[in-house]
Amino acid sequence: DTIWLDAGTYGGDTWEMISATETAGVNINKDSIALIGKDSNATVIDPPGPNSQAGLYGVYADTQTGLLVKNIGVTGAYDGFVFHNVDKSQLESDSASCNGRYGFLLTVGSDRNTLTNNLSASNSNYGITLQSSSINNTLTGNASVNNSNVGFYLPSTNDTLTNNMSSGNASIGYYLFNASSMILTNNTSKSN
């Protein structure tokens, strides 16, 4: 199924309960869903609440496969895009900015996903994070800029990074903490 989102800012009083302590602007709870916006500057998810509120997500998916999230922007969430145990899915041409913690987060066994041409900017912690239990992911053409800590935080295994750029992050451009079997090709890091 494909869901097309027209240009506009989505959020305000609209949100999805994930648990007693978690909410999201968009909660994807089915396999093989495509969520496609006009472009990430025009189709923006801005969930209700302050970006310092833990558990406030822009786009959230848990235990799905075969997702495509494309041309969506998220701002003002605690974490912009969250894949929790999501496999064989794609984040493409999305943007995450001014979020309270992470721009993009793949966690708890999110495997064989592809992140392509995404922008993570001015988030209060890490730009793009693949946690240690997530493996075999591919990142191509992504930019992580002006985040308050690390551009790409990768304590993961068997990931491939090609043509990504990290710039102006307060701490480190690429942090491969306990990472193993990583393939890095033509990535740049400057002014971190």
C-alpha atoms as a PDB file:
ATOM      1  CA  ASP A   1       0.000   0.000   0.000  1.00  0.00           C
ATOM      2  CA  THR A   2       1.186   3.532  -0.775  1.00  0.00           C
ATOM      3  CA  ILE A   3       0.230   6.591   1.262  1.00  0.00           C
ATOM      4  CA  TRP A   4       0.875   9.935  -0.443  1.00  0.00           C
ATOM      5  CA  LEU A   5       1.267  12.985   1.789  1.00  0.00           C
ATOM      6  CA  ASP A   6       0.790  16.342   0.105  1.00  0.00           C
ATOM      7  CA  ALA A   7       2.815  19.421   0.998  1.00  0.00           C
ATOM      8  CA  GLY A   8       2.029  20.757   4.459  1.00  0.00           C
ATOM      9  CA  THR A   9       3.002  20.526   8.101  1.00  0.00           C
ATOM     10  CA  TYR A  10       1.475  17.578   9.911  1.00  0.00           C
ATOM     11  CA  GLY A  11       1.345  17.397  13.674  1.00  0.00           C
ATOM     12  CA  GLY A  12      -0.343  19.968  15.854  1.00  0.00           C
ATOM     13  CA  ASP A  13      -3.073  18.081  17.694  1.00  0.00           C
ATOM     14  CA  THR A  14      -2.616  14.859  15.692  1.00  0.00           C
ATOM     15  CA  TRP A  15      -0.534  12.036  17.128  1.00  0.00           C
ATOM     16  CA  GLU A  16      -0.457   8.270  17.519  1.00  0.00           C
ATOM     17  CA  MET A  17      -0.096   6.485  20.862  1.00  0.00           C
ATOM     18  CA  ILE A  18       2.599   3.803  20.696  1.00  0.00           C
ATOM     19  CA  SER A  19       2.657   2.963  24.402  1.00  0.00           C
ATOM     20  CA  ALA A  20       1.773   4.680  27.666  1.00  0.00           C
ATOM     21  CA  THR A  21       4.928   6.808  27.386  1.00  0.00           C
ATOM     22  CA  GLU A  22       5.519   7.037  23.618  1.00  0.00           C
ATOM     23  CA  THR A  23       3.791   8.982  20.853  1.00  0.00           C
ATOM     24  CA  ALA A  24       4.525   9.633  17.185  1.00  0.00           C
ATOM     25  CA  GLY A  25       3.419  11.941  14.401  1.00  0.00           C
ATOM     26  CA  VAL A  26       3.259   8.829  12.188  1.00  0.00           C
ATOM     27  CA  ASN A  27       3.230   5.252  13.535  1.00  0.00           C
ATOM     28  CA  ILE A  28       3.667   2.614  10.802  1.00  0.00           C
ATOM     29  CA  ASN A  29       2.260  -0.672  12.093  1.00  0.00           C
ATOM     30  CA  LYS A  30       1.908  -2.736   8.886  1.00  0.00           C
ATOM     31  CA  ASP A  31       4.441  -4.387   6.583  1.00  0.00           C
ATOM     32  CA  SER A  32       5.071  -3.237   2.995  1.00  0.00           C
ATOM     33  CA  ILE A  33       3.863   0.357   3.412  1.00  0.00           C
ATOM     34  CA  ALA A  34       5.204   3.221   1.303  1.00  0.00           C
ATOM     35  CA  LEU A  35       4.861   6.678   2.889  1.00  0.00           C
ATOM     36  CA  ILE A  36       5.786   9.275   0.267  1.00  0.00           C
ATOM     37  CA  GLY A  37       5.709  13.052   0.589  1.00  0.00           C
ATOM     38  CA  LYS A  38       6.138  15.814  -1.982  1.00  0.00           C
ATOM     39  CA  ASP A  39       9.672  16.558  -0.748  1.00  0.00           C
ATOM     40  CA  SER A  40      11.275  16.744   2.679  1.00  0.00           C
ATOM     41  CA  ASN A  41      11.074  20.554   2.793  1.00  0.00           C
ATOM     42  CA  ALA A  42       7.393  20.634   1.837  1.00  0.00           C
ATOM     43  CA  THR A  43       5.946  17.581   3.627  1.00  0.00           C
ATOM     44  CA  VAL A  44       6.906  17.981   7.287  1.00  0.00           C
ATOM     45  CA  ILE A  45       5.957  16.026  10.408  1.00  0.00           C
ATOM     46  CA  ASP A  46       6.081  18.234  13.525  1.00  0.00           C
ATOM     47  CA  PRO A  47       4.619  16.200  16.403  1.00  0.00           C
ATOM     48  CA  PRO A  48       2.897  17.974  19.296  1.00  0.00           C
ATOM     49  CA  GLY A  49       5.003  18.634  22.374  1.00  0.00           C
ATOM     50  CA  PRO A  50       8.520  19.879  23.069  1.00  0.00           C
ATOM     51  CA  ASN A  51      11.488  18.197  21.367  1.00  0.00           C
ATOM     52  CA  SER A  52      12.893  17.500  24.839  1.00  0.00           C
ATOM     53  CA  GLN A  53      10.026  15.072  25.568  1.00  0.00           C
ATOM     54  CA  ALA A  54      11.480  11.531  25.541  1.00  0.00           C
ATOM     55  CA  GLY A  55       9.348   9.113  23.523  1.00  0.00           C
ATOM     56  CA  LEU A  56       8.083  11.768  21.069  1.00  0.00           C
ATOM     57  CA  TYR A  57       8.854  10.519  17.543  1.00  0.00           C
ATOM     58  CA  GLY A  58       8.279  11.942  14.095  1.00  0.00           C
ATOM     59  CA  VAL A  59       8.015   8.684  12.119  1.00  0.00           C
ATOM     60  CA  TYR A  60       8.089   5.404  14.069  1.00  0.00           C
ATOM     61  CA  ALA A  61       7.942   1.756  12.991  1.00  0.00           C
ATOM     62  CA  ASP A  62       8.309  -1.365  15.148  1.00  0.00           C
ATOM     63  CA  THR A  63       8.897  -4.921  13.796  1.00  0.00           C
ATOM     64  CA  GLN A  64       7.896  -4.181  10.206  1.00  0.00           C
ATOM     65  CA  THR A  65       9.514  -5.223   6.910  1.00  0.00           C
ATOM     66  CA  GLY A  66       9.425  -3.789   3.402  1.00  0.00           C
ATOM     67  CA  LEU A  67       8.789  -0.132   4.301  1.00  0.00           C
ATOM     68  CA  LEU A  68       9.610   2.889   2.165  1.00  0.00           C
ATOM     69  CA  VAL A  69       9.616   6.344   3.778  1.00  0.00           C
ATOM     70  CA  LYS A  70      10.489   8.942   1.150  1.00  0.00           C
ATOM     71  CA  ASN A  71      10.482  12.738   0.829  1.00  0.00           C
ATOM     72  CA  ILE A  72       9.363  13.362   4.427  1.00  0.00           C
ATOM     73  CA  GLY A  73      10.791  15.964   6.811  1.00  0.00           C
ATOM     74  CA  VAL A  74      10.647  15.704  10.599  1.00  0.00           C
ATOM     75  CA  THR A  75      11.284  18.584  12.965  1.00  0.00           C
ATOM     76  CA  GLY A  76      10.579  19.192  16.640  1.00  0.00           C
ATOM     77  CA  ALA A  77      10.439  15.536  17.729  1.00  0.00           C
ATOM     78  CA  TYR A  78      12.646  13.911  20.361  1.00  0.00           C
ATOM     79  CA  ASP A  79      13.814  11.381  17.721  1.00  0.00           C
ATOM     80  CA  GLY A  80      13.032  12.120  14.079  1.00  0.00           C
ATOM     81  CA  PHE A  81      12.864   8.743  12.303  1.00  0.00           C
ATOM     82  CA  VAL A  82      12.900   5.563  14.411  1.00  0.00           C
ATOM     83  CA  PHE A  83      13.107   2.016  13.045  1.00  0.00           C
ATOM     84  CA  HIS A  84      12.803  -0.403  15.994  1.00  0.00           C
ATOM     85  CA  ASN A  85      13.499  -3.961  14.791  1.00  0.00           C
ATOM     86  CA  VAL A  86      12.559  -3.018  11.212  1.00  0.00           C
ATOM     87  CA  ASP A  87      14.116  -5.035   8.374  1.00  0.00           C
ATOM     88  CA  LYS A  88      14.563  -4.698   4.588  1.00  0.00           C
ATOM     89  CA  SER A  89      13.211  -1.147   4.515  1.00  0.00           C
ATOM     90  CA  GLN A  90      14.232   2.196   3.036  1.00  0.00           C
ATOM     91  CA  LEU A  91      14.563   5.784   4.203  1.00  0.00           C
ATOM     92  CA  GLU A  92      15.100   7.906   1.103  1.00  0.00           C
ATOM     93  CA  SER A  93      15.413  11.673   0.564  1.00  0.00           C
ATOM     94  CA  ASP A  94      14.118  12.408   4.062  1.00  0.00           C
ATOM     95  CA  SER A  95      15.277  15.130   6.457  1.00  0.00           C
ATOM     96  CA  ALA A  96      15.445  15.343  10.240  1.00  0.00           C
ATOM     97  CA  SER A  97      16.207  18.700  11.840  1.00  0.00           C
ATOM     98  CA  CYS A  98      15.970  20.393  15.220  1.00  0.00           C
ATOM     99  CA  ASN A  99      15.018  17.199  17.033  1.00  0.00           C
ATOM    100  CA  GLY A 100      15.799  16.806  20.726  1.00  0.00           C
ATOM    101  CA  ARG A 101      18.013  13.743  20.435  1.00  0.00           C
ATOM    102  CA  TYR A 102      18.551  11.778  17.176  1.00  0.00           C
ATOM    103  CA  GLY A 103      17.708  12.586  13.585  1.00  0.00           C
ATOM    104  CA  PHE A 104      17.651   8.967  12.366  1.00  0.00           C
ATOM    105  CA  LEU A 105      17.749   5.942  14.709  1.00  0.00           C
ATOM    106  CA  LEU A 106      17.868   2.268  13.749  1.00  0.00           C
ATOM    107  CA  THR A 107      17.705   0.135  16.857  1.00  0.00           C
ATOM    108  CA  VAL A 108      17.012  -3.338  18.309  1.00  0.00           C
ATOM    109  CA  GLY A 109      17.837  -5.567  15.364  1.00  0.00           C
ATOM    110  CA  SER A 110      16.997  -3.289  12.440  1.00  0.00           C
ATOM    111  CA  ASP A 111      18.781  -5.224   9.679  1.00  0.00           C
ATOM    112  CA  ARG A 112      19.329  -4.922   5.917  1.00  0.00           C
ATOM    113  CA  ASN A 113      17.890  -1.417   5.626  1.00  0.00           C
ATOM    114  CA  THR A 114      18.939   1.273   3.163  1.00  0.00           C
ATOM    115  CA  LEU A 115      19.328   4.979   3.944  1.00  0.00           C
ATOM    116  CA  THR A 116      19.840   7.054   0.788  1.00  0.00           C
ATOM    117  CA  ASN A 117      20.179  10.824   0.266  1.00  0.00           C
ATOM    118  CA  ASN A 118      18.895  11.789   3.708  1.00  0.00           C
ATOM    119  CA  LEU A 119      19.796  14.945   5.638  1.00  0.00           C
ATOM    120  CA  SER A 120      20.198  15.100   9.399  1.00  0.00           C
ATOM    121  CA  ALA A 121      20.819  18.649  10.629  1.00  0.00           C
ATOM    122  CA  SER A 122      20.910  20.600  13.883  1.00  0.00           C
ATOM    123  CA  ASN A 123      19.697  17.768  16.117  1.00  0.00           C
ATOM    124  CA  SER A 124      20.568  17.961  19.814  1.00  0.00           C
ATOM    125  CA  ASN A 125      22.647  14.773  19.913  1.00  0.00           C
ATOM    126  CA  TYR A 126      23.507  12.376  17.047  1.00  0.00           C
ATOM    127  CA  GLY A 127      22.569  12.855  13.421  1.00  0.00           C
ATOM    128  CA  ILE A 128      22.345   9.242  12.218  1.00  0.00           C
ATOM    129  CA  THR A 129      22.597   6.295  14.633  1.00  0.00           C
ATOM    130  CA  LEU A 130      22.720   2.557  13.944  1.00  0.00           C
ATOM    131  CA  GLN A 131      22.746   0.812  17.287  1.00  0.00           C
ATOM    132  CA  SER A 132      24.887  -2.260  17.933  1.00  0.00           C
ATOM    133  CA  SER A 133      22.160  -4.819  17.391  1.00  0.00           C
ATOM    134  CA  SER A 134      21.445  -3.512  13.860  1.00  0.00           C
ATOM    135  CA  ILE A 135      23.490  -5.134  11.085  1.00  0.00           C
ATOM    136  CA  ASN A 136      23.969  -5.242   7.305  1.00  0.00           C
ATOM    137  CA  ASN A 137      22.595  -1.746   6.639  1.00  0.00           C
ATOM    138  CA  THR A 138      23.627   0.434   3.688  1.00  0.00           C
ATOM    139  CA  LEU A 139      24.049   4.220   3.898  1.00  0.00           C
ATOM    140  CA  THR A 140      24.628   6.089   0.626  1.00  0.00           C
ATOM    141  CA  GLY A 141      24.723   9.817  -0.075  1.00  0.00           C
ATOM    142  CA  ASN A 142      23.537  10.940   3.364  1.00  0.00           C
ATOM    143  CA  ALA A 143      24.597  14.196   5.045  1.00  0.00           C
ATOM    144  CA  SER A 144      24.836  14.789   8.778  1.00  0.00           C
ATOM    145  CA  VAL A 145      25.566  18.441   9.577  1.00  0.00           C
ATOM    146  CA  ASN A 146      25.636  20.790  12.555  1.00  0.00           C
ATOM    147  CA  ASN A 147      24.416  18.247  15.098  1.00  0.00           C
ATOM    148  CA  SER A 148      25.269  18.914  18.750  1.00  0.00           C
ATOM    149  CA  ASN A 149      27.343  15.752  19.139  1.00  0.00           C
ATOM    150  CA  VAL A 150      28.239  13.082  16.522  1.00  0.00           C
ATOM    151  CA  GLY A 151      27.347  13.070  12.821  1.00  0.00           C
ATOM    152  CA  PHE A 152      27.225   9.285  12.304  1.00  0.00           C
ATOM    153  CA  TYR A 153      27.232   7.047  15.407  1.00  0.00           C
ATOM    154  CA  LEU A 154      27.849   3.468  14.294  1.00  0.00           C
ATOM    155  CA  PRO A 155      28.418   0.828  17.004  1.00  0.00           C
ATOM    156  CA  SER A 156      27.154  -1.715  14.470  1.00  0.00           C
ATOM    157  CA  THR A 157      28.319  -4.619  12.293  1.00  0.00           C
ATOM    158  CA  ASN A 158      28.633  -5.324   8.562  1.00  0.00           C
ATOM    159  CA  ASP A 159      27.336  -1.952   7.407  1.00  0.00           C
ATOM    160  CA  THR A 160      28.332  -0.246   4.156  1.00  0.00           C
ATOM    161  CA  LEU A 161      28.806   3.536   3.971  1.00  0.00           C
ATOM    162  CA  THR A 162      29.388   5.173   0.583  1.00  0.00           C
ATOM    163  CA  ASN A 163      29.524   8.862  -0.406  1.00  0.00           C
ATOM    164  CA  ASN A 164      28.229  10.179   2.920  1.00  0.00           C
ATOM    165  CA  MET A 165      29.209  13.563   4.346  1.00  0.00           C
ATOM    166  CA  SER A 166      29.625  14.687   7.955  1.00  0.00           C
ATOM    167  CA  SER A 167      30.280  18.382   8.572  1.00  0.00           C
ATOM    168  CA  GLY A 168      30.120  20.905  11.397  1.00  0.00           C
ATOM    169  CA  ASN A 169      29.084  18.425  14.093  1.00  0.00           C
ATOM    170  CA  ALA A 170      30.181  19.486  17.589  1.00  0.00           C
ATOM    171  CA  SER A 171      32.104  16.329  18.444  1.00  0.00           C
ATOM    172  CA  ILE A 172      32.958  13.656  15.856  1.00  0.00           C
ATOM    173  CA  GLY A 173      32.081  13.112  12.201  1.00  0.00           C
ATOM    174  CA  TYR A 174      32.014   9.286  12.163  1.00  0.00           C
ATOM    175  CA  TYR A 175      32.159   7.366  15.428  1.00  0.00           C
ATOM    176  CA  LEU A 176      32.646   3.631  14.846  1.00  0.00           C
ATOM    177  CA  PHE A 177      32.446   2.492  18.457  1.00  0.00           C
ATOM    178  CA  ASN A 178      32.987  -1.294  18.743  1.00  0.00           C
ATOM    179  CA  ALA A 179      32.009  -1.536  15.065  1.00  0.00           C
ATOM    180  CA  SER A 180      33.197  -4.486  13.030  1.00  0.00           C
ATOM    181  CA  SER A 181      33.333  -5.559   9.380  1.00  0.00           C
ATOM    182  CA  MET A 182      32.372  -2.114   8.111  1.00  0.00           C
ATOM    183  CA  ILE A 183      32.922  -1.057   4.490  1.00  0.00           C
ATOM    184  CA  LEU A 184      33.569   2.671   4.099  1.00  0.00           C
ATOM    185  CA  THR A 185      34.069   4.174   0.627  1.00  0.00           C
ATOM    186  CA  ASN A 186      34.442   7.822  -0.363  1.00  0.00           C
ATOM    187  CA  ASN A 187      32.926   9.341   2.795  1.00  0.00           C
ATOM    188  CA  THR A 188      33.949  12.843   3.895  1.00  0.00           C
ATOM    189  CA  SER A 189      34.305  14.417   7.299  1.00  0.00           C
ATOM    190  CA  LYS A 190      35.126  18.105   7.779  1.00  0.00           C
ATOM    191  CA  SER A 191      35.013  20.724  10.511  1.00  0.00           C
ATOM    192  CA  ASN A 192      33.712  18.323  13.170  1.00  0.00           C
END
